[in-house]
Amino acid sequence: MTDVEITPQADDQLEQLEAEDRERVLKKLAEAQDWTEHRLDPLSGWPYYKLRVGDYRVIVTWDRDDDLLRVEAVGHRRNVYDRHLPP
């Protein structure tokens, strides 16, 4: 099972979501722990992966050697890529 680490930035973004949306995101992250290969899509041009949760996206880095998903950003699909991706 893959471990999940949430960065402080992503934790703040999760707190800003409605309770129902936050629960859906956390549920999808739990699913991604068991089915990582099948849940994540690589972001072209970036060293990140995305996890789709309805209208929201979770941007993660996947360290396959340490079997770790690091949540970098969480936000609405319309602006998560522009506003929240670390350089």
PDB file of N, CA and C in Angstrom:
ATOM      1  N   MET A   1       0.847  -1.178   0.000  1.00  0.00           N
ATOM      2  CA  MET A   1       0.000   0.000   0.000  1.00  0.00           C
ATOM      3  C   MET A   1       0.892   1.241   0.000  1.00  0.00           C
ATOM      4  N   THR A   2       0.531   2.191  -0.819  1.00  0.00           N
ATOM      5  CA  THR A   2       1.266   3.441  -0.968  1.00  0.00           C
ATOM      6  C   THR A   2       0.899   4.396   0.159  1.00  0.00           C
ATOM      7  N   ASP A   3       1.901   5.067   0.724  1.00  0.00           N
ATOM      8  CA  ASP A   3       1.657   6.073   1.755  1.00  0.00           C
ATOM      9  C   ASP A   3       1.275   7.389   1.099  1.00  0.00           C
ATOM     10  N   VAL A   4       0.518   8.218   1.824  1.00  0.00           N
ATOM     11  CA  VAL A   4       0.110   9.529   1.331  1.00  0.00           C
ATOM     12  C   VAL A   4       0.588  10.588   2.321  1.00  0.00           C
ATOM     13  N   GLU A   5       1.223  11.623   1.770  1.00  0.00           N
ATOM     14  CA  GLU A   5       1.665  12.772   2.568  1.00  0.00           C
ATOM     15  C   GLU A   5       1.032  14.007   1.954  1.00  0.00           C
ATOM     16  N   ILE A   6       0.454  14.855   2.793  1.00  0.00           N
ATOM     17  CA  ILE A   6      -0.199  16.075   2.309  1.00  0.00           C
ATOM     18  C   ILE A   6       0.643  17.270   2.727  1.00  0.00           C
ATOM     19  N   THR A   7       1.042  18.085   1.746  1.00  0.00           N
ATOM     20  CA  THR A   7       1.849  19.270   2.044  1.00  0.00           C
ATOM     21  C   THR A   7       0.987  20.305   2.763  1.00  0.00           C
ATOM     22  N   PRO A   8       1.608  21.226   3.486  1.00  0.00           N
ATOM     23  CA  PRO A   8       0.825  22.275   4.159  1.00  0.00           C
ATOM     24  C   PRO A   8      -0.043  23.085   3.194  1.00  0.00           C
ATOM     25  N   GLN A   9       0.486  23.383   2.001  1.00  0.00           N
ATOM     26  CA  GLN A   9      -0.288  24.129   1.006  1.00  0.00           C
ATOM     27  C   GLN A   9      -1.546  23.351   0.624  1.00  0.00           C
ATOM     28  N   ALA A  10      -1.392  22.060   0.341  1.00  0.00           N
ATOM     29  CA  ALA A  10      -2.539  21.237  -0.050  1.00  0.00           C
ATOM     30  C   ALA A  10      -3.518  21.065   1.107  1.00  0.00           C
ATOM     31  N   ASP A  11      -2.999  20.996   2.330  1.00  0.00           N
ATOM     32  CA  ASP A  11      -3.870  20.876   3.500  1.00  0.00           C
ATOM     33  C   ASP A  11      -4.736  22.122   3.640  1.00  0.00           C
ATOM     34  N   ASP A  12      -4.159  23.295   3.427  1.00  0.00           N
ATOM     35  CA  ASP A  12      -4.929  24.546   3.460  1.00  0.00           C
ATOM     36  C   ASP A  12      -5.996  24.553   2.375  1.00  0.00           C
ATOM     37  N   GLN A  13      -5.640  24.066   1.180  1.00  0.00           N
ATOM     38  CA  GLN A  13      -6.591  24.034   0.077  1.00  0.00           C
ATOM     39  C   GLN A  13      -7.725  23.056   0.366  1.00  0.00           C
ATOM     40  N   LEU A  14      -7.419  21.940   0.992  1.00  0.00           N
ATOM     41  CA  LEU A  14      -8.453  20.980   1.376  1.00  0.00           C
ATOM     42  C   LEU A  14      -9.420  21.600   2.387  1.00  0.00           C
ATOM     43  N   GLU A  15      -8.888  22.352   3.330  1.00  0.00           N
ATOM     44  CA  GLU A  15      -9.723  22.989   4.354  1.00  0.00           C
ATOM     45  C   GLU A  15     -10.693  23.995   3.755  1.00  0.00           C
ATOM     46  N   GLN A  16     -10.345  24.577   2.607  1.00  0.00           N
ATOM     47  CA  GLN A  16     -11.199  25.573   1.967  1.00  0.00           C
ATOM     48  C   GLN A  16     -12.354  24.949   1.178  1.00  0.00           C
ATOM     49  N   LEU A  17     -12.294  23.650   0.935  1.00  0.00           N
ATOM     50  CA  LEU A  17     -13.362  22.984   0.184  1.00  0.00           C
ATOM     51  C   LEU A  17     -14.579  22.763   1.072  1.00  0.00           C
ATOM     52  N   GLU A  18     -15.732  22.625   0.434  1.00  0.00           N
ATOM     53  CA  GLU A  18     -16.936  22.235   1.152  1.00  0.00           C
ATOM     54  C   GLU A  18     -16.707  20.848   1.763  1.00  0.00           C
ATOM     55  N   ALA A  19     -17.362  20.561   2.855  1.00  0.00           N
ATOM     56  CA  ALA A  19     -17.145  19.301   3.579  1.00  0.00           C
ATOM     57  C   ALA A  19     -17.372  18.086   2.681  1.00  0.00           C
ATOM     58  N   GLU A  20     -18.413  18.114   1.861  1.00  0.00           N
ATOM     59  CA  GLU A  20     -18.723  16.983   0.988  1.00  0.00           C
ATOM     60  C   GLU A  20     -17.617  16.773  -0.054  1.00  0.00           C
ATOM     61  N   ASP A  21     -17.145  17.861  -0.649  1.00  0.00           N
ATOM     62  CA  ASP A  21     -16.071  17.762  -1.636  1.00  0.00           C
ATOM     63  C   ASP A  21     -14.778  17.280  -0.989  1.00  0.00           C
ATOM     64  N   ARG A  22     -14.482  17.775   0.205  1.00  0.00           N
ATOM     65  CA  ARG A  22     -13.282  17.356   0.925  1.00  0.00           C
ATOM     66  C   ARG A  22     -13.313  15.845   1.194  1.00  0.00           C
ATOM     67  N   GLU A  23     -14.472  15.348   1.609  1.00  0.00           N
ATOM     68  CA  GLU A  23     -14.616  13.913   1.871  1.00  0.00           C
ATOM     69  C   GLU A  23     -14.427  13.085   0.600  1.00  0.00           C
ATOM     70  N   ARG A  24     -14.941  13.575  -0.517  1.00  0.00           N
ATOM     71  CA  ARG A  24     -14.756  12.870  -1.792  1.00  0.00           C
ATOM     72  C   ARG A  24     -13.290  12.815  -2.189  1.00  0.00           C
ATOM     73  N   VAL A  25     -12.576  13.924  -1.986  1.00  0.00           N
ATOM     74  CA  VAL A  25     -11.146  13.964  -2.307  1.00  0.00           C
ATOM     75  C   VAL A  25     -10.385  12.976  -1.437  1.00  0.00           C
ATOM     76  N   LEU A  26     -10.667  12.976  -0.142  1.00  0.00           N
ATOM     77  CA  LEU A  26      -9.969  12.066   0.773  1.00  0.00           C
ATOM     78  C   LEU A  26     -10.289  10.601   0.465  1.00  0.00           C
ATOM     79  N   LYS A  27     -11.524  10.333   0.053  1.00  0.00           N
ATOM     80  CA  LYS A  27     -11.899   8.974  -0.317  1.00  0.00           C
ATOM     81  C   LYS A  27     -11.129   8.512  -1.561  1.00  0.00           C
ATOM     82  N   LYS A  28     -10.996   9.397  -2.562  1.00  0.00           N
ATOM     83  CA  LYS A  28     -10.246   9.054  -3.775  1.00  0.00           C
ATOM     84  C   LYS A  28      -8.768   8.847  -3.467  1.00  0.00           C
ATOM     85  N   LEU A  29      -8.230   9.643  -2.553  1.00  0.00           N
ATOM     86  CA  LEU A  29      -6.836   9.447  -2.150  1.00  0.00           C
ATOM     87  C   LEU A  29      -6.650   8.084  -1.492  1.00  0.00           C
ATOM     88  N   ALA A  30      -7.616   7.678  -0.693  1.00  0.00           N
ATOM     89  CA  ALA A  30      -7.548   6.358  -0.063  1.00  0.00           C
ATOM     90  C   ALA A  30      -7.597   5.257  -1.125  1.00  0.00           C
ATOM     91  N   GLU A  31      -8.422   5.436  -2.147  1.00  0.00           N
ATOM     92  CA  GLU A  31      -8.468   4.467  -3.247  1.00  0.00           C
ATOM     93  C   GLU A  31      -7.140   4.434  -3.995  1.00  0.00           C
ATOM     94  N   ALA A  32      -6.530   5.594  -4.156  1.00  0.00           N
ATOM     95  CA  ALA A  32      -5.259   5.677  -4.879  1.00  0.00           C
ATOM     96  C   ALA A  32      -4.133   4.979  -4.128  1.00  0.00           C
ATOM     97  N   GLN A  33      -4.263   4.848  -2.830  1.00  0.00           N
ATOM     98  CA  GLN A  33      -3.253   4.128  -2.063  1.00  0.00           C
ATOM     99  C   GLN A  33      -3.183   2.666  -2.487  1.00  0.00           C
ATOM    100  N   ASP A  34      -4.320   2.079  -2.787  1.00  0.00           N
ATOM    101  CA  ASP A  34      -4.371   0.673  -3.165  1.00  0.00           C
ATOM    102  C   ASP A  34      -4.238   0.447  -4.668  1.00  0.00           C
ATOM    103  N   TRP A  35      -4.695   1.384  -5.464  1.00  0.00           N
ATOM    104  CA  TRP A  35      -4.718   1.230  -6.925  1.00  0.00           C
ATOM    105  C   TRP A  35      -4.009   2.399  -7.597  1.00  0.00           C
ATOM    106  N   THR A  36      -2.808   2.694  -7.164  1.00  0.00           N
ATOM    107  CA  THR A  36      -2.090   3.881  -7.624  1.00  0.00           C
ATOM    108  C   THR A  36      -1.955   3.930  -9.141  1.00  0.00           C
ATOM    109  N   GLU A  37      -1.504   2.862  -9.748  1.00  0.00           N
ATOM    110  CA  GLU A  37      -1.305   2.835 -11.207  1.00  0.00           C
ATOM    111  C   GLU A  37      -2.572   3.161 -11.976  1.00  0.00           C
ATOM    112  N   HIS A  38      -3.728   2.771 -11.434  1.00  0.00           N
ATOM    113  CA  HIS A  38      -4.989   2.910 -12.154  1.00  0.00           C
ATOM    114  C   HIS A  38      -5.716   4.212 -11.851  1.00  0.00           C
ATOM    115  N   ARG A  39      -5.301   4.916 -10.838  1.00  0.00           N
ATOM    116  CA  ARG A  39      -6.002   6.141 -10.443  1.00  0.00           C
ATOM    117  C   ARG A  39      -5.314   7.421 -10.903  1.00  0.00           C
ATOM    118  N   LEU A  40      -4.001   7.373 -11.112  1.00  0.00           N
ATOM    119  CA  LEU A  40      -3.259   8.587 -11.451  1.00  0.00           C
ATOM    120  C   LEU A  40      -2.993   8.690 -12.941  1.00  0.00           C
ATOM    121  N   ASP A  41      -3.065   9.925 -13.442  1.00  0.00           N
ATOM    122  CA  ASP A  41      -2.711  10.217 -14.826  1.00  0.00           C
ATOM    123  C   ASP A  41      -1.541  11.187 -14.804  1.00  0.00           C
ATOM    124  N   PRO A  42      -0.505  10.947 -15.622  1.00  0.00           N
ATOM    125  CA  PRO A  42       0.623  11.880 -15.648  1.00  0.00           C
ATOM    126  C   PRO A  42       0.214  13.213 -16.284  1.00  0.00           C
ATOM    127  N   LEU A  43       0.780  14.299 -15.773  1.00  0.00           N
ATOM    128  CA  LEU A  43       0.558  15.616 -16.360  1.00  0.00           C
ATOM    129  C   LEU A  43       1.639  15.853 -17.401  1.00  0.00           C
ATOM    130  N   SER A  44       1.241  16.069 -18.622  1.00  0.00           N
ATOM    131  CA  SER A  44       2.247  16.273 -19.671  1.00  0.00           C
ATOM    132  C   SER A  44       2.959  17.609 -19.449  1.00  0.00           C
ATOM    133  N   GLY A  45       4.272  17.562 -19.557  1.00  0.00           N
ATOM    134  CA  GLY A  45       5.076  18.755 -19.372  1.00  0.00           C
ATOM    135  C   GLY A  45       5.420  19.070 -17.927  1.00  0.00           C
ATOM    136  N   TRP A  46       4.960  18.256 -16.989  1.00  0.00           N
ATOM    137  CA  TRP A  46       5.211  18.465 -15.564  1.00  0.00           C
ATOM    138  C   TRP A  46       5.652  17.143 -14.940  1.00  0.00           C
ATOM    139  N   PRO A  47       6.378  17.206 -13.836  1.00  0.00           N
ATOM    140  CA  PRO A  47       6.762  15.962 -13.153  1.00  0.00           C
ATOM    141  C   PRO A  47       5.708  15.508 -12.146  1.00  0.00           C
ATOM    142  N   TYR A  48       4.445  15.842 -12.396  1.00  0.00           N
ATOM    143  CA  TYR A  48       3.361  15.546 -11.467  1.00  0.00           C
ATOM    144  C   TYR A  48       2.350  14.593 -12.096  1.00  0.00           C
ATOM    145  N   TYR A  49       1.465  14.107 -11.228  1.00  0.00           N
ATOM    146  CA  TYR A  49       0.331  13.294 -11.652  1.00  0.00           C
ATOM    147  C   TYR A  49      -0.933  13.967 -11.151  1.00  0.00           C
ATOM    148  N   LYS A  50      -2.059  13.642 -11.791  1.00  0.00           N
ATOM    149  CA  LYS A  50      -3.332  14.190 -11.332  1.00  0.00           C
ATOM    150  C   LYS A  50      -4.268  13.058 -10.958  1.00  0.00           C
ATOM    151  N   LEU A  51      -5.101  13.346  -9.992  1.00  0.00           N
ATOM    152  CA  LEU A  51      -6.155  12.449  -9.556  1.00  0.00           C
ATOM    153  C   LEU A  51      -7.456  13.210  -9.758  1.00  0.00           C
ATOM    154  N   ARG A  52      -8.351  12.659 -10.535  1.00  0.00           N
ATOM    155  CA  ARG A  52      -9.622  13.325 -10.838  1.00  0.00           C
ATOM    156  C   ARG A  52     -10.654  12.982  -9.773  1.00  0.00           C
ATOM    157  N   VAL A  53     -11.303  14.038  -9.276  1.00  0.00           N
ATOM    158  CA  VAL A  53     -12.373  13.874  -8.285  1.00  0.00           C
ATOM    159  C   VAL A  53     -13.491  14.832  -8.681  1.00  0.00           C
ATOM    160  N   GLY A  54     -14.368  14.388  -9.570  1.00  0.00           N
ATOM    161  CA  GLY A  54     -15.430  15.262 -10.061  1.00  0.00           C
ATOM    162  C   GLY A  54     -14.838  16.479 -10.754  1.00  0.00           C
ATOM    163  N   ASP A  55     -15.214  17.670 -10.293  1.00  0.00           N
ATOM    164  CA  ASP A  55     -14.694  18.910 -10.856  1.00  0.00           C
ATOM    165  C   ASP A  55     -13.372  19.334 -10.231  1.00  0.00           C
ATOM    166  N   TYR A  56     -12.876  18.552  -9.300  1.00  0.00           N
ATOM    167  CA  TYR A  56     -11.634  18.885  -8.607  1.00  0.00           C
ATOM    168  C   TYR A  56     -10.494  17.996  -9.069  1.00  0.00           C
ATOM    169  N   ARG A  57      -9.280  18.522  -8.913  1.00  0.00           N
ATOM    170  CA  ARG A  57      -8.086  17.767  -9.251  1.00  0.00           C
ATOM    171  C   ARG A  57      -7.135  17.802  -8.068  1.00  0.00           C
ATOM    172  N   VAL A  58      -6.495  16.672  -7.847  1.00  0.00           N
ATOM    173  CA  VAL A  58      -5.461  16.558  -6.831  1.00  0.00           C
ATOM    174  C   VAL A  58      -4.156  16.370  -7.581  1.00  0.00           C
ATOM    175  N   ILE A  59      -3.208  17.261  -7.363  1.00  0.00           N
ATOM    176  CA  ILE A  59      -1.913  17.205  -8.029  1.00  0.00           C
ATOM    177  C   ILE A  59      -0.930  16.554  -7.055  1.00  0.00           C
ATOM    178  N   VAL A  60      -0.289  15.476  -7.516  1.00  0.00           N
ATOM    179  CA  VAL A  60       0.610  14.730  -6.629  1.00  0.00           C
ATOM    180  C   VAL A  60       1.945  14.447  -7.305  1.00  0.00           C
ATOM    181  N   THR A  61       2.952  14.253  -6.480  1.00  0.00           N
ATOM    182  CA  THR A  61       4.200  13.676  -6.951  1.00  0.00           C
ATOM    183  C   THR A  61       4.193  12.240  -6.449  1.00  0.00           C
ATOM    184  N   TRP A  62       4.720  11.348  -7.270  1.00  0.00           N
ATOM    185  CA  TRP A  62       4.695   9.928  -6.937  1.00  0.00           C
ATOM    186  C   TRP A  62       6.123   9.421  -6.882  1.00  0.00           C
ATOM    187  N   ASP A  63       6.590   9.137  -5.684  1.00  0.00           N
ATOM    188  CA  ASP A  63       7.922   8.579  -5.476  1.00  0.00           C
ATOM    189  C   ASP A  63       7.774   7.061  -5.448  1.00  0.00           C
ATOM    190  N   ARG A  64       8.044   6.443  -6.565  1.00  0.00           N
ATOM    191  CA  ARG A  64       7.856   4.992  -6.685  1.00  0.00           C
ATOM    192  C   ARG A  64       8.858   4.212  -5.834  1.00  0.00           C
ATOM    193  N   ASP A  65      10.064   4.766  -5.640  1.00  0.00           N
ATOM    194  CA  ASP A  65      11.071   4.070  -4.839  1.00  0.00           C
ATOM    195  C   ASP A  65      10.639   3.950  -3.377  1.00  0.00           C
ATOM    196  N   ASP A  66      10.102   5.050  -2.828  1.00  0.00           N
ATOM    197  CA  ASP A  66       9.653   5.047  -1.434  1.00  0.00           C
ATOM    198  C   ASP A  66       8.177   4.703  -1.296  1.00  0.00           C
ATOM    199  N   ASP A  67       7.504   4.461  -2.423  1.00  0.00           N
ATOM    200  CA  ASP A  67       6.073   4.149  -2.439  1.00  0.00           C
ATOM    201  C   ASP A  67       5.286   5.231  -1.689  1.00  0.00           C
ATOM    202  N   LEU A  68       5.444   6.486  -2.152  1.00  0.00           N
ATOM    203  CA  LEU A  68       4.852   7.635  -1.483  1.00  0.00           C
ATOM    204  C   LEU A  68       4.167   8.554  -2.484  1.00  0.00           C
ATOM    205  N   LEU A  69       2.937   8.940  -2.170  1.00  0.00           N
ATOM    206  CA  LEU A  69       2.222   9.973  -2.914  1.00  0.00           C
ATOM    207  C   LEU A  69       2.261  11.237  -2.067  1.00  0.00           C
ATOM    208  N   ARG A  70       2.786  12.320  -2.627  1.00  0.00           N
ATOM    209  CA  ARG A  70       2.840  13.596  -1.921  1.00  0.00           C
ATOM    210  C   ARG A  70       1.840  14.525  -2.594  1.00  0.00           C
ATOM    211  N   VAL A  71       0.809  14.913  -1.868  1.00  0.00           N
ATOM    212  CA  VAL A  71      -0.218  15.806  -2.400  1.00  0.00           C
ATOM    213  C   VAL A  71       0.337  17.227  -2.395  1.00  0.00           C
ATOM    214  N   GLU A  72       0.468  17.796  -3.589  1.00  0.00           N
ATOM    215  CA  GLU A  72       1.046  19.128  -3.747  1.00  0.00           C
ATOM    216  C   GLU A  72      -0.022  20.218  -3.808  1.00  0.00           C
ATOM    217  N   ALA A  73      -1.172  19.919  -4.429  1.00  0.00           N
ATOM    218  CA  ALA A  73      -2.217  20.929  -4.603  1.00  0.00           C
ATOM    219  C   ALA A  73      -3.566  20.253  -4.787  1.00  0.00           C
ATOM    220  N   VAL A  74      -4.610  20.956  -4.377  1.00  0.00           N
ATOM    221  CA  VAL A  74      -5.992  20.507  -4.553  1.00  0.00           C
ATOM    222  C   VAL A  74      -6.787  21.729  -4.978  1.00  0.00           C
ATOM    223  N   GLY A  75      -7.573  21.588  -6.042  1.00  0.00           N
ATOM    224  CA  GLY A  75      -8.382  22.725  -6.470  1.00  0.00           C
ATOM    225  C   GLY A  75      -9.312  22.369  -7.609  1.00  0.00           C
ATOM    226  N   HIS A  76     -10.108  23.342  -7.990  1.00  0.00           N
ATOM    227  CA  HIS A  76     -11.052  23.165  -9.090  1.00  0.00           C
ATOM    228  C   HIS A  76     -10.275  22.974 -10.388  1.00  0.00           C
ATOM    229  N   ARG A  77     -10.777  22.125 -11.244  1.00  0.00           N
ATOM    230  CA  ARG A  77     -10.074  21.784 -12.486  1.00  0.00           C
ATOM    231  C   ARG A  77      -9.808  22.991 -13.365  1.00  0.00           C
ATOM    232  N   ARG A  78     -10.626  24.028 -13.248  1.00  0.00           N
ATOM    233  CA  ARG A  78     -10.480  25.200 -14.110  1.00  0.00           C
ATOM    234  C   ARG A  78      -9.237  26.018 -13.768  1.00  0.00           C
ATOM    235  N   ASN A  79      -8.772  25.956 -12.507  1.00  0.00           N
ATOM    236  CA  ASN A  79      -7.642  26.815 -12.168  1.00  0.00           C
ATOM    237  C   ASN A  79      -6.541  26.156 -11.335  1.00  0.00           C
ATOM    238  N   VAL A  80      -6.662  24.899 -11.020  1.00  0.00           N
ATOM    239  CA  VAL A  80      -5.642  24.265 -10.173  1.00  0.00           C
ATOM    240  C   VAL A  80      -4.284  24.229 -10.853  1.00  0.00           C
ATOM    241  N   TYR A  81      -4.263  24.082 -12.158  1.00  0.00           N
ATOM    242  CA  TYR A  81      -2.994  23.983 -12.873  1.00  0.00           C
ATOM    243  C   TYR A  81      -2.276  25.329 -12.936  1.00  0.00           C
ATOM    244  N   ASP A  82      -3.019  26.416 -13.038  1.00  0.00           N
ATOM    245  CA  ASP A  82      -2.429  27.749 -13.151  1.00  0.00           C
ATOM    246  C   ASP A  82      -2.013  28.322 -11.802  1.00  0.00           C
ATOM    247  N   ARG A  83      -2.838  28.122 -10.803  1.00  0.00           N
ATOM    248  CA  ARG A  83      -2.631  28.796  -9.531  1.00  0.00           C
ATOM    249  C   ARG A  83      -1.814  28.025  -8.501  1.00  0.00           C
ATOM    250  N   HIS A  84      -1.919  26.715  -8.536  1.00  0.00           N
ATOM    251  CA  HIS A  84      -1.423  25.954  -7.398  1.00  0.00           C
ATOM    252  C   HIS A  84      -0.196  25.090  -7.640  1.00  0.00           C
ATOM    253  N   LEU A  85       0.203  24.925  -8.877  1.00  0.00           N
ATOM    254  CA  LEU A  85       1.359  24.080  -9.114  1.00  0.00           C
ATOM    255  C   LEU A  85       2.635  24.759  -8.650  1.00  0.00           C
ATOM    256  N   PRO A  86       3.413  24.073  -7.856  1.00  0.00           N
ATOM    257  CA  PRO A  86       4.709  24.646  -7.481  1.00  0.00           C
ATOM    258  C   PRO A  86       5.613  24.729  -8.714  1.00  0.00           C
ATOM    259  N   PRO A  87       6.554  25.677  -8.729  1.00  0.00           N
ATOM    260  CA  PRO A  87       7.434  25.803  -9.899  1.00  0.00           C
ATOM    261  C   PRO A  87       8.347  24.611 -10.088  1.00  0.00           C
TER     262      PRO A  87
END
